[in-house]
Amino acid sequence: MFKSGNVTIMVADLKRAVQFYVETLGLKLQHGMDEHFVQIEAPELTIGLLHLAEEQESQPEKSGSMSIGFEVQELESAVETLKSRGVEFHDSVEGKAAQVVHFSDPEGNTLYLVSSR
């Protein structure tokens, strides 16, 4: 029935969001940037970034409304790489099957890295 899916994140500053997802996280810019929408490619996930026009009354959603996880093979290495790019991590959760560390994008959206044990 479904061929694929994606996540769209509402952002106040599109340029800053693109810089974070492409330069800081190292994801790929899938479609060229226009003033309202770009697509960022992550392995097995496409993320849409939607810039709300100033004339719209709605505000971008803040953290707590969704989170995006990125699975990594070596958590410690991925954390160190992102720390060197200015990412600050909030917490770490260790479970029987996986370890998860949380951080935020410039808009305050919750993101996390997860590594299976």
PDB file of N, CA and C in Angstrom:
ATOM      1  N   MET A   1       0.810  -1.190   0.000  1.00  0.00           N
ATOM      2  CA  MET A   1       0.000   0.000   0.000  1.00  0.00           C
ATOM      3  C   MET A   1       0.860   1.264   0.000  1.00  0.00           C
ATOM      4  N   PHE A   2       1.749   1.427   0.987  1.00  0.00           N
ATOM      5  CA  PHE A   2       2.608   2.610   1.047  1.00  0.00           C
ATOM      6  C   PHE A   2       3.940   2.322   0.371  1.00  0.00           C
ATOM      7  N   LYS A   3       4.439   3.281  -0.366  1.00  0.00           N
ATOM      8  CA  LYS A   3       5.729   3.119  -1.024  1.00  0.00           C
ATOM      9  C   LYS A   3       6.860   3.650  -0.153  1.00  0.00           C
ATOM     10  N   SER A   4       6.637   4.785   0.524  1.00  0.00           N
ATOM     11  CA  SER A   4       7.657   5.366   1.390  1.00  0.00           C
ATOM     12  C   SER A   4       6.988   6.343   2.340  1.00  0.00           C
ATOM     13  N   GLY A   5       7.772   6.938   3.208  1.00  0.00           N
ATOM     14  CA  GLY A   5       7.259   7.932   4.133  1.00  0.00           C
ATOM     15  C   GLY A   5       8.296   9.011   4.358  1.00  0.00           C
ATOM     16  N   ASN A   6       7.884  10.068   5.038  1.00  0.00           N
ATOM     17  CA  ASN A   6       8.829  11.130   5.355  1.00  0.00           C
ATOM     18  C   ASN A   6       8.358  11.860   6.599  1.00  0.00           C
ATOM     19  N   VAL A   7       9.205  12.712   7.117  1.00  0.00           N
ATOM     20  CA  VAL A   7       8.912  13.566   8.264  1.00  0.00           C
ATOM     21  C   VAL A   7       9.095  15.000   7.803  1.00  0.00           C
ATOM     22  N   THR A   8       8.160  15.877   8.139  1.00  0.00           N
ATOM     23  CA  THR A   8       8.311  17.297   7.833  1.00  0.00           C
ATOM     24  C   THR A   8       8.412  18.063   9.140  1.00  0.00           C
ATOM     25  N   ILE A   9       9.421  18.889   9.264  1.00  0.00           N
ATOM     26  CA  ILE A   9       9.672  19.678  10.466  1.00  0.00           C
ATOM     27  C   ILE A   9       9.398  21.139  10.137  1.00  0.00           C
ATOM     28  N   MET A  10       8.549  21.780  10.924  1.00  0.00           N
ATOM     29  CA  MET A  10       8.282  23.200  10.743  1.00  0.00           C
ATOM     30  C   MET A  10       9.439  23.985  11.370  1.00  0.00           C
ATOM     31  N   VAL A  11      10.008  24.916  10.617  1.00  0.00           N
ATOM     32  CA  VAL A  11      11.170  25.677  11.105  1.00  0.00           C
ATOM     33  C   VAL A  11      10.940  27.170  10.932  1.00  0.00           C
ATOM     34  N   ALA A  12      11.508  27.962  11.824  1.00  0.00           N
ATOM     35  CA  ALA A  12      11.423  29.417  11.732  1.00  0.00           C
ATOM     36  C   ALA A  12      12.539  29.978  10.870  1.00  0.00           C
ATOM     37  N   ASP A  13      13.702  29.310  10.843  1.00  0.00           N
ATOM     38  CA  ASP A  13      14.872  29.782  10.108  1.00  0.00           C
ATOM     39  C   ASP A  13      15.368  28.648   9.216  1.00  0.00           C
ATOM     40  N   LEU A  14      14.960  28.666   7.955  1.00  0.00           N
ATOM     41  CA  LEU A  14      15.268  27.578   7.031  1.00  0.00           C
ATOM     42  C   LEU A  14      16.765  27.436   6.797  1.00  0.00           C
ATOM     43  N   LYS A  15      17.465  28.545   6.605  1.00  0.00           N
ATOM     44  CA  LYS A  15      18.910  28.488   6.351  1.00  0.00           C
ATOM     45  C   LYS A  15      19.638  27.839   7.527  1.00  0.00           C
ATOM     46  N   ARG A  16      19.284  28.226   8.747  1.00  0.00           N
ATOM     47  CA  ARG A  16      19.919  27.662   9.942  1.00  0.00           C
ATOM     48  C   ARG A  16      19.599  26.173  10.060  1.00  0.00           C
ATOM     49  N   ALA A  17      18.360  25.785   9.750  1.00  0.00           N
ATOM     50  CA  ALA A  17      17.970  24.378   9.816  1.00  0.00           C
ATOM     51  C   ALA A  17      18.747  23.544   8.796  1.00  0.00           C
ATOM     52  N   VAL A  18      18.865  24.042   7.569  1.00  0.00           N
ATOM     53  CA  VAL A  18      19.623  23.327   6.540  1.00  0.00           C
ATOM     54  C   VAL A  18      21.078  23.183   6.972  1.00  0.00           C
ATOM     55  N   GLN A  19      21.662  24.240   7.492  1.00  0.00           N
ATOM     56  CA  GLN A  19      23.050  24.185   7.951  1.00  0.00           C
ATOM     57  C   GLN A  19      23.224  23.115   9.023  1.00  0.00           C
ATOM     58  N   PHE A  20      22.306  23.046   9.990  1.00  0.00           N
ATOM     59  CA  PHE A  20      22.391  22.051  11.050  1.00  0.00           C
ATOM     60  C   PHE A  20      22.279  20.636  10.499  1.00  0.00           C
ATOM     61  N   TYR A  21      21.250  20.366   9.709  1.00  0.00           N
ATOM     62  CA  TYR A  21      21.017  18.998   9.238  1.00  0.00           C
ATOM     63  C   TYR A  21      22.063  18.542   8.219  1.00  0.00           C
ATOM     64  N   VAL A  22      22.565  19.461   7.387  1.00  0.00           N
ATOM     65  CA  VAL A  22      23.543  19.079   6.370  1.00  0.00           C
ATOM     66  C   VAL A  22      24.970  19.167   6.906  1.00  0.00           C
ATOM     67  N   GLU A  23      25.359  20.314   7.452  1.00  0.00           N
ATOM     68  CA  GLU A  23      26.745  20.490   7.885  1.00  0.00           C
ATOM     69  C   GLU A  23      27.029  19.848   9.248  1.00  0.00           C
ATOM     70  N   THR A  24      26.169  20.068  10.216  1.00  0.00           N
ATOM     71  CA  THR A  24      26.421  19.542  11.555  1.00  0.00           C
ATOM     72  C   THR A  24      26.176  18.041  11.634  1.00  0.00           C
ATOM     73  N   LEU A  25      24.998  17.592  11.162  1.00  0.00           N
ATOM     74  CA  LEU A  25      24.696  16.157  11.234  1.00  0.00           C
ATOM     75  C   LEU A  25      25.292  15.363  10.082  1.00  0.00           C
ATOM     76  N   GLY A  26      25.657  16.036   8.989  1.00  0.00           N
ATOM     77  CA  GLY A  26      26.271  15.349   7.860  1.00  0.00           C
ATOM     78  C   GLY A  26      25.289  14.636   6.945  1.00  0.00           C
ATOM     79  N   LEU A  27      24.020  15.062   6.963  1.00  0.00           N
ATOM     80  CA  LEU A  27      23.032  14.469   6.066  1.00  0.00           C
ATOM     81  C   LEU A  27      23.108  15.136   4.692  1.00  0.00           C
ATOM     82  N   LYS A  28      22.449  14.552   3.716  1.00  0.00           N
ATOM     83  CA  LYS A  28      22.564  15.012   2.330  1.00  0.00           C
ATOM     84  C   LYS A  28      21.381  15.903   1.943  1.00  0.00           C
ATOM     85  N   LEU A  29      21.682  17.036   1.309  1.00  0.00           N
ATOM     86  CA  LEU A  29      20.648  17.898   0.742  1.00  0.00           C
ATOM     87  C   LEU A  29      20.120  17.197  -0.495  1.00  0.00           C
ATOM     88  N   GLN A  30      18.840  16.815  -0.479  1.00  0.00           N
ATOM     89  CA  GLN A  30      18.266  16.027  -1.561  1.00  0.00           C
ATOM     90  C   GLN A  30      17.781  16.896  -2.711  1.00  0.00           C
ATOM     91  N   HIS A  31      17.091  17.978  -2.399  1.00  0.00           N
ATOM     92  CA  HIS A  31      16.591  18.890  -3.422  1.00  0.00           C
ATOM     93  C   HIS A  31      17.067  20.287  -3.082  1.00  0.00           C
ATOM     94  N   GLY A  32      17.424  21.057  -4.126  1.00  0.00           N
ATOM     95  CA  GLY A  32      17.910  22.402  -3.933  1.00  0.00           C
ATOM     96  C   GLY A  32      16.996  23.262  -3.090  1.00  0.00           C
ATOM     97  N   MET A  33      17.595  24.218  -2.444  1.00  0.00           N
ATOM     98  CA  MET A  33      16.877  25.059  -1.503  1.00  0.00           C
ATOM     99  C   MET A  33      16.079  26.130  -2.230  1.00  0.00           C
ATOM    100  N   ASP A  34      14.800  26.279  -1.844  1.00  0.00           N
ATOM    101  CA  ASP A  34      14.049  27.455  -2.241  1.00  0.00           C
ATOM    102  C   ASP A  34      13.712  28.188  -0.952  1.00  0.00           C
ATOM    103  N   GLU A  35      12.879  29.184  -0.994  1.00  0.00           N
ATOM    104  CA  GLU A  35      12.653  29.993   0.200  1.00  0.00           C
ATOM    105  C   GLU A  35      11.708  29.357   1.208  1.00  0.00           C
ATOM    106  N   HIS A  36      11.029  28.248   0.836  1.00  0.00           N
ATOM    107  CA  HIS A  36      10.051  27.660   1.747  1.00  0.00           C
ATOM    108  C   HIS A  36      10.254  26.179   2.056  1.00  0.00           C
ATOM    109  N   PHE A  37      10.904  25.427   1.189  1.00  0.00           N
ATOM    110  CA  PHE A  37      10.963  23.980   1.409  1.00  0.00           C
ATOM    111  C   PHE A  37      12.210  23.385   0.788  1.00  0.00           C
ATOM    112  N   VAL A  38      12.854  22.510   1.533  1.00  0.00           N
ATOM    113  CA  VAL A  38      13.954  21.692   1.022  1.00  0.00           C
ATOM    114  C   VAL A  38      13.750  20.280   1.548  1.00  0.00           C
ATOM    115  N   GLN A  39      14.444  19.332   0.951  1.00  0.00           N
ATOM    116  CA  GLN A  39      14.418  17.968   1.453  1.00  0.00           C
ATOM    117  C   GLN A  39      15.833  17.546   1.808  1.00  0.00           C
ATOM    118  N   ILE A  40      15.931  16.926   2.977  1.00  0.00           N
ATOM    119  CA  ILE A  40      17.194  16.405   3.482  1.00  0.00           C
ATOM    120  C   ILE A  40      17.081  14.889   3.482  1.00  0.00           C
ATOM    121  N   GLU A  41      18.112  14.214   3.002  1.00  0.00           N
ATOM    122  CA  GLU A  41      18.086  12.755   2.933  1.00  0.00           C
ATOM    123  C   GLU A  41      18.919  12.158   4.059  1.00  0.00           C
ATOM    124  N   ALA A  42      18.308  11.255   4.803  1.00  0.00           N
ATOM    125  CA  ALA A  42      19.003  10.456   5.805  1.00  0.00           C
ATOM    126  C   ALA A  42      18.817   8.999   5.386  1.00  0.00           C
ATOM    127  N   PRO A  43      19.719   8.103   5.799  1.00  0.00           N
ATOM    128  CA  PRO A  43      19.544   6.706   5.420  1.00  0.00           C
ATOM    129  C   PRO A  43      18.163   6.196   5.824  1.00  0.00           C
ATOM    130  N   GLU A  44      17.421   5.726   4.852  1.00  0.00           N
ATOM    131  CA  GLU A  44      16.087   5.161   5.052  1.00  0.00           C
ATOM    132  C   GLU A  44      15.056   6.164   5.567  1.00  0.00           C
ATOM    133  N   LEU A  45      15.337   7.465   5.466  1.00  0.00           N
ATOM    134  CA  LEU A  45      14.406   8.489   5.936  1.00  0.00           C
ATOM    135  C   LEU A  45      14.611   9.765   5.137  1.00  0.00           C
ATOM    136  N   THR A  46      13.521  10.372   4.712  1.00  0.00           N
ATOM    137  CA  THR A  46      13.568  11.685   4.087  1.00  0.00           C
ATOM    138  C   THR A  46      12.926  12.666   5.046  1.00  0.00           C
ATOM    139  N   ILE A  47      13.616  13.778   5.307  1.00  0.00           N
ATOM    140  CA  ILE A  47      13.121  14.796   6.225  1.00  0.00           C
ATOM    141  C   ILE A  47      12.785  16.034   5.420  1.00  0.00           C
ATOM    142  N   GLY A  48      11.556  16.514   5.519  1.00  0.00           N
ATOM    143  CA  GLY A  48      11.168  17.766   4.885  1.00  0.00           C
ATOM    144  C   GLY A  48      11.279  18.896   5.894  1.00  0.00           C
ATOM    145  N   LEU A  49      11.822  20.022   5.491  1.00  0.00           N
ATOM    146  CA  LEU A  49      11.897  21.218   6.333  1.00  0.00           C
ATOM    147  C   LEU A  49      10.990  22.263   5.715  1.00  0.00           C
ATOM    148  N   LEU A  50       9.938  22.665   6.411  1.00  0.00           N
ATOM    149  CA  LEU A  50       8.955  23.600   5.887  1.00  0.00           C
ATOM    150  C   LEU A  50       9.077  24.922   6.620  1.00  0.00           C
ATOM    151  N   HIS A  51       9.359  25.987   5.874  1.00  0.00           N
ATOM    152  CA  HIS A  51       9.459  27.325   6.453  1.00  0.00           C
ATOM    153  C   HIS A  51       8.095  27.977   6.408  1.00  0.00           C
ATOM    154  N   LEU A  52       7.600  28.377   7.563  1.00  0.00           N
ATOM    155  CA  LEU A  52       6.304  29.043   7.616  1.00  0.00           C
ATOM    156  C   LEU A  52       6.485  30.511   7.270  1.00  0.00           C
ATOM    157  N   ALA A  53       5.684  30.995   6.342  1.00  0.00           N
ATOM    158  CA  ALA A  53       5.773  32.400   5.930  1.00  0.00           C
ATOM    159  C   ALA A  53       5.440  33.310   7.110  1.00  0.00           C
ATOM    160  N   GLU A  54       6.071  34.473   7.172  1.00  0.00           N
ATOM    161  CA  GLU A  54       5.863  35.411   8.280  1.00  0.00           C
ATOM    162  C   GLU A  54       4.412  35.856   8.400  1.00  0.00           C
ATOM    163  N   GLU A  55       3.698  35.899   7.278  1.00  0.00           N
ATOM    164  CA  GLU A  55       2.315  36.358   7.331  1.00  0.00           C
ATOM    165  C   GLU A  55       1.375  35.329   7.940  1.00  0.00           C
ATOM    166  N   GLN A  56       1.826  34.085   8.073  1.00  0.00           N
ATOM    167  CA  GLN A  56       0.999  33.068   8.712  1.00  0.00           C
ATOM    168  C   GLN A  56       1.037  33.262  10.218  1.00  0.00           C
ATOM    169  N   GLU A  57      -0.091  33.056  10.857  1.00  0.00           N
ATOM    170  CA  GLU A  57      -0.162  33.245  12.299  1.00  0.00           C
ATOM    171  C   GLU A  57       0.361  32.055  13.075  1.00  0.00           C
ATOM    172  N   SER A  58       0.401  30.880  12.465  1.00  0.00           N
ATOM    173  CA  SER A  58       0.844  29.697  13.202  1.00  0.00           C
ATOM    174  C   SER A  58       2.350  29.767  13.448  1.00  0.00           C
ATOM    175  N   GLN A  59       2.758  29.205  14.548  1.00  0.00           N
ATOM    176  CA  GLN A  59       4.162  29.172  14.937  1.00  0.00           C
ATOM    177  C   GLN A  59       4.699  27.757  14.758  1.00  0.00           C
ATOM    178  N   PRO A  60       5.997  27.626  14.502  1.00  0.00           N
ATOM    179  CA  PRO A  60       6.564  26.279  14.400  1.00  0.00           C
ATOM    180  C   PRO A  60       6.363  25.514  15.709  1.00  0.00           C
ATOM    181  N   GLU A  61       6.147  24.236  15.578  1.00  0.00           N
ATOM    182  CA  GLU A  61       6.015  23.382  16.762  1.00  0.00           C
ATOM    183  C   GLU A  61       7.360  23.319  17.469  1.00  0.00           C
ATOM    184  N   LYS A  62       7.330  23.157  18.767  1.00  0.00           N
ATOM    185  CA  LYS A  62       8.551  23.045  19.557  1.00  0.00           C
ATOM    186  C   LYS A  62       8.751  21.615  19.995  1.00  0.00           C
ATOM    187  N   SER A  63       9.841  21.369  20.703  1.00  0.00           N
ATOM    188  CA  SER A  63      10.158  20.012  21.111  1.00  0.00           C
ATOM    189  C   SER A  63       9.023  19.409  21.919  1.00  0.00           C
ATOM    190  N   GLY A  64       8.947  18.122  21.887  1.00  0.00           N
ATOM    191  CA  GLY A  64       7.879  17.421  22.556  1.00  0.00           C
ATOM    192  C   GLY A  64       6.791  16.991  21.588  1.00  0.00           C
ATOM    193  N   SER A  65       6.726  17.619  20.418  1.00  0.00           N
ATOM    194  CA  SER A  65       5.704  17.271  19.448  1.00  0.00           C
ATOM    195  C   SER A  65       6.124  16.076  18.596  1.00  0.00           C
ATOM    196  N   MET A  66       7.405  15.814  18.511  1.00  0.00           N
ATOM    197  CA  MET A  66       7.916  14.682  17.747  1.00  0.00           C
ATOM    198  C   MET A  66       9.394  14.533  18.054  1.00  0.00           C
ATOM    199  N   SER A  67       9.950  13.416  17.688  1.00  0.00           N
ATOM    200  CA  SER A  67      11.395  13.232  17.773  1.00  0.00           C
ATOM    201  C   SER A  67      11.830  12.367  16.604  1.00  0.00           C
ATOM    202  N   ILE A  68      13.065  12.538  16.201  1.00  0.00           N
ATOM    203  CA  ILE A  68      13.618  11.771  15.087  1.00  0.00           C
ATOM    204  C   ILE A  68      14.837  11.030  15.605  1.00  0.00           C
ATOM    205  N   GLY A  69      14.893   9.743  15.344  1.00  0.00           N
ATOM    206  CA  GLY A  69      16.024   8.933  15.770  1.00  0.00           C
ATOM    207  C   GLY A  69      16.894   8.527  14.602  1.00  0.00           C
ATOM    208  N   PHE A  70      18.190   8.476  14.865  1.00  0.00           N
ATOM    209  CA  PHE A  70      19.167   8.026  13.879  1.00  0.00           C
ATOM    210  C   PHE A  70      19.919   6.846  14.481  1.00  0.00           C
ATOM    211  N   GLU A  71      19.809   5.679  13.860  1.00  0.00           N
ATOM    212  CA  GLU A  71      20.526   4.512  14.358  1.00  0.00           C
ATOM    213  C   GLU A  71      21.982   4.584  13.922  1.00  0.00           C
ATOM    214  N   VAL A  72      22.884   4.313  14.856  1.00  0.00           N
ATOM    215  CA  VAL A  72      24.316   4.322  14.577  1.00  0.00           C
ATOM    216  C   VAL A  72      24.913   2.999  15.030  1.00  0.00           C
ATOM    217  N   GLN A  73      26.037   2.608  14.412  1.00  0.00           N
ATOM    218  CA  GLN A  73      26.691   1.364  14.815  1.00  0.00           C
ATOM    219  C   GLN A  73      27.532   1.578  16.068  1.00  0.00           C
ATOM    220  N   GLU A  74      28.258   2.699  16.121  1.00  0.00           N
ATOM    221  CA  GLU A  74      29.122   2.981  17.268  1.00  0.00           C
ATOM    222  C   GLU A  74      28.699   4.295  17.892  1.00  0.00           C
ATOM    223  N   LEU A  75      27.965   4.210  18.987  1.00  0.00           N
ATOM    224  CA  LEU A  75      27.376   5.381  19.625  1.00  0.00           C
ATOM    225  C   LEU A  75      28.426   6.378  20.095  1.00  0.00           C
ATOM    226  N   GLU A  76      29.454   5.903  20.776  1.00  0.00           N
ATOM    227  CA  GLU A  76      30.462   6.807  21.327  1.00  0.00           C
ATOM    228  C   GLU A  76      31.148   7.630  20.240  1.00  0.00           C
ATOM    229  N   SER A  77      31.458   6.994  19.134  1.00  0.00           N
ATOM    230  CA  SER A  77      32.102   7.682  18.011  1.00  0.00           C
ATOM    231  C   SER A  77      31.178   8.735  17.412  1.00  0.00           C
ATOM    232  N   ALA A  78      29.913   8.380  17.235  1.00  0.00           N
ATOM    233  CA  ALA A  78      28.942   9.331  16.677  1.00  0.00           C
ATOM    234  C   ALA A  78      28.743  10.522  17.611  1.00  0.00           C
ATOM    235  N   VAL A  79      28.670  10.263  18.914  1.00  0.00           N
ATOM    236  CA  VAL A  79      28.512  11.340  19.894  1.00  0.00           C
ATOM    237  C   VAL A  79      29.710  12.275  19.838  1.00  0.00           C
ATOM    238  N   GLU A  80      30.905  11.742  19.813  1.00  0.00           N
ATOM    239  CA  GLU A  80      32.110  12.578  19.769  1.00  0.00           C
ATOM    240  C   GLU A  80      32.171  13.407  18.492  1.00  0.00           C
ATOM    241  N   THR A  81      31.794  12.821  17.365  1.00  0.00           N
ATOM    242  CA  THR A  81      31.781  13.563  16.102  1.00  0.00           C
ATOM    243  C   THR A  81      30.823  14.744  16.181  1.00  0.00           C
ATOM    244  N   LEU A  82      29.606  14.498  16.677  1.00  0.00           N
ATOM    245  CA  LEU A  82      28.622  15.578  16.757  1.00  0.00           C
ATOM    246  C   LEU A  82      29.003  16.617  17.811  1.00  0.00           C
ATOM    247  N   LYS A  83      29.602  16.193  18.918  1.00  0.00           N
ATOM    248  CA  LYS A  83      30.080  17.159  19.921  1.00  0.00           C
ATOM    249  C   LYS A  83      31.123  18.083  19.308  1.00  0.00           C
ATOM    250  N   SER A  84      31.994  17.542  18.465  1.00  0.00           N
ATOM    251  CA  SER A  84      33.028  18.363  17.824  1.00  0.00           C
ATOM    252  C   SER A  84      32.427  19.375  16.856  1.00  0.00           C
ATOM    253  N   ARG A  85      31.169  19.149  16.459  1.00  0.00           N
ATOM    254  CA  ARG A  85      30.452  20.069  15.568  1.00  0.00           C
ATOM    255  C   ARG A  85      29.492  20.977  16.340  1.00  0.00           C
ATOM    256  N   GLY A  86      29.579  20.944  17.668  1.00  0.00           N
ATOM    257  CA  GLY A  86      28.793  21.856  18.485  1.00  0.00           C
ATOM    258  C   GLY A  86      27.488  21.325  19.040  1.00  0.00           C
ATOM    259  N   VAL A  87      27.197  20.046  18.833  1.00  0.00           N
ATOM    260  CA  VAL A  87      25.956  19.470  19.359  1.00  0.00           C
ATOM    261  C   VAL A  87      26.114  19.211  20.854  1.00  0.00           C
ATOM    262  N   GLU A  88      25.091  19.595  21.623  1.00  0.00           N
ATOM    263  CA  GLU A  88      25.062  19.329  23.057  1.00  0.00           C
ATOM    264  C   GLU A  88      24.020  18.252  23.329  1.00  0.00           C
ATOM    265  N   PHE A  89      24.417  17.220  24.047  1.00  0.00           N
ATOM    266  CA  PHE A  89      23.524  16.112  24.362  1.00  0.00           C
ATOM    267  C   PHE A  89      22.862  16.338  25.713  1.00  0.00           C
ATOM    268  N   HIS A  90      21.574  15.950  25.819  1.00  0.00           N
ATOM    269  CA  HIS A  90      20.786  16.178  27.027  1.00  0.00           C
ATOM    270  C   HIS A  90      20.914  15.045  28.022  1.00  0.00           C
ATOM    271  N   ASP A  91      20.762  13.833  27.550  1.00  0.00           N
ATOM    272  CA  ASP A  91      20.777  12.694  28.457  1.00  0.00           C
ATOM    273  C   ASP A  91      21.064  11.418  27.692  1.00  0.00           C
ATOM    274  N   SER A  92      21.287  10.358  28.455  1.00  0.00           N
ATOM    275  CA  SER A  92      21.541   9.042  27.897  1.00  0.00           C
ATOM    276  C   SER A  92      20.651   8.045  28.621  1.00  0.00           C
ATOM    277  N   VAL A  93      20.040   7.150  27.852  1.00  0.00           N
ATOM    278  CA  VAL A  93      19.172   6.133  28.427  1.00  0.00           C
ATOM    279  C   VAL A  93      19.707   4.776  27.986  1.00  0.00           C
ATOM    280  N   GLU A  94      19.971   3.926  28.957  1.00  0.00           N
ATOM    281  CA  GLU A  94      20.476   2.592  28.638  1.00  0.00           C
ATOM    282  C   GLU A  94      19.408   1.561  28.942  1.00  0.00           C
ATOM    283  N   GLY A  95      19.073   0.760  27.944  1.00  0.00           N
ATOM    284  CA  GLY A  95      18.112  -0.311  28.106  1.00  0.00           C
ATOM    285  C   GLY A  95      18.761  -1.642  27.813  1.00  0.00           C
ATOM    286  N   LYS A  96      17.992  -2.697  27.915  1.00  0.00           N
ATOM    287  CA  LYS A  96      18.527  -4.034  27.657  1.00  0.00           C
ATOM    288  C   LYS A  96      18.936  -4.203  26.200  1.00  0.00           C
ATOM    289  N   ALA A  97      18.145  -3.613  25.307  1.00  0.00           N
ATOM    290  CA  ALA A  97      18.367  -3.827  23.873  1.00  0.00           C
ATOM    291  C   ALA A  97      19.118  -2.697  23.188  1.00  0.00           C
ATOM    292  N   ALA A  98      19.129  -1.493  23.791  1.00  0.00           N
ATOM    293  CA  ALA A  98      19.732  -0.349  23.093  1.00  0.00           C
ATOM    294  C   ALA A  98      20.129   0.748  24.075  1.00  0.00           C
ATOM    295  N   GLN A  99      20.997   1.624  23.576  1.00  0.00           N
ATOM    296  CA  GLN A  99      21.360   2.835  24.300  1.00  0.00           C
ATOM    297  C   GLN A  99      20.950   4.023  23.431  1.00  0.00           C
ATOM    298  N   VAL A 100      20.371   5.044  24.079  1.00  0.00           N
ATOM    299  CA  VAL A 100      19.856   6.210  23.368  1.00  0.00           C
ATOM    300  C   VAL A 100      20.418   7.472  24.001  1.00  0.00           C
ATOM    301  N   VAL A 101      20.846   8.433  23.172  1.00  0.00           N
ATOM    302  CA  VAL A 101      21.262   9.752  23.660  1.00  0.00           C
ATOM    303  C   VAL A 101      20.455  10.808  22.916  1.00  0.00           C
ATOM    304  N   HIS A 102      19.959  11.803  23.653  1.00  0.00           N
ATOM    305  CA  HIS A 102      19.093  12.838  23.090  1.00  0.00           C
ATOM    306  C   HIS A 102      19.828  14.161  22.910  1.00  0.00           C
ATOM    307  N   PHE A 103      19.425  14.893  21.875  1.00  0.00           N
ATOM    308  CA  PHE A 103      19.918  16.242  21.617  1.00  0.00           C
ATOM    309  C   PHE A 103      18.828  16.996  20.877  1.00  0.00           C
ATOM    310  N   SER A 104      19.055  18.261  20.585  1.00  0.00           N
ATOM    311  CA  SER A 104      18.032  19.071  19.908  1.00  0.00           C
ATOM    312  C   SER A 104      18.609  19.743  18.682  1.00  0.00           C
ATOM    313  N   ASP A 105      17.734  20.031  17.711  1.00  0.00           N
ATOM    314  CA  ASP A 105      18.140  20.835  16.562  1.00  0.00           C
ATOM    315  C   ASP A 105      17.991  22.310  16.954  1.00  0.00           C
ATOM    316  N   PRO A 106      18.372  23.252  16.085  1.00  0.00           N
ATOM    317  CA  PRO A 106      18.286  24.676  16.450  1.00  0.00           C
ATOM    318  C   PRO A 106      16.875  25.166  16.755  1.00  0.00           C
ATOM    319  N   GLU A 107      15.848  24.444  16.307  1.00  0.00           N
ATOM    320  CA  GLU A 107      14.462  24.838  16.559  1.00  0.00           C
ATOM    321  C   GLU A 107      13.926  24.267  17.866  1.00  0.00           C
ATOM    322  N   GLY A 108      14.727  23.428  18.540  1.00  0.00           N
ATOM    323  CA  GLY A 108      14.295  22.813  19.789  1.00  0.00           C
ATOM    324  C   GLY A 108      13.623  21.464  19.617  1.00  0.00           C
ATOM    325  N   ASN A 109      13.613  20.914  18.397  1.00  0.00           N
ATOM    326  CA  ASN A 109      13.040  19.603  18.162  1.00  0.00           C
ATOM    327  C   ASN A 109      13.960  18.533  18.735  1.00  0.00           C
ATOM    328  N   THR A 110      13.382  17.530  19.367  1.00  0.00           N
ATOM    329  CA  THR A 110      14.163  16.461  19.977  1.00  0.00           C
ATOM    330  C   THR A 110      14.621  15.466  18.921  1.00  0.00           C
ATOM    331  N   LEU A 111      15.925  15.185  18.930  1.00  0.00           N
ATOM    332  CA  LEU A 111      16.528  14.175  18.066  1.00  0.00           C
ATOM    333  C   LEU A 111      17.263  13.209  18.978  1.00  0.00           C
ATOM    334  N   TYR A 112      17.553  12.009  18.459  1.00  0.00           N
ATOM    335  CA  TYR A 112      18.324  11.078  19.272  1.00  0.00           C
ATOM    336  C   TYR A 112      19.137  10.127  18.400  1.00  0.00           C
ATOM    337  N   LEU A 113      20.211   9.635  18.991  1.00  0.00           N
ATOM    338  CA  LEU A 113      21.009   8.572  18.393  1.00  0.00           C
ATOM    339  C   LEU A 113      20.683   7.304  19.156  1.00  0.00           C
ATOM    340  N   VAL A 114      20.588   6.192  18.475  1.00  0.00           N
ATOM    341  CA  VAL A 114      20.320   4.920  19.135  1.00  0.00           C
ATOM    342  C   VAL A 114      21.289   3.875  18.595  1.00  0.00           C
ATOM    343  N   SER A 115      21.787   3.056  19.522  1.00  0.00           N
ATOM    344  CA  SER A 115      22.686   1.972  19.153  1.00  0.00           C
ATOM    345  C   SER A 115      22.178   0.697  19.806  1.00  0.00           C
ATOM    346  N   SER A 116      21.939  -0.326  18.987  1.00  0.00           N
ATOM    347  CA  SER A 116      21.486  -1.613  19.509  1.00  0.00           C
ATOM    348  C   SER A 116      22.645  -2.322  20.179  1.00  0.00           C
ATOM    349  N   ARG A 117      22.318  -3.114  21.162  1.00  0.00           N
ATOM    350  CA  ARG A 117      23.359  -3.862  21.891  1.00  0.00           C
ATOM    351  C   ARG A 117      23.547  -5.223  21.268  1.00  0.00           C
TER     352      ARG A 117
END
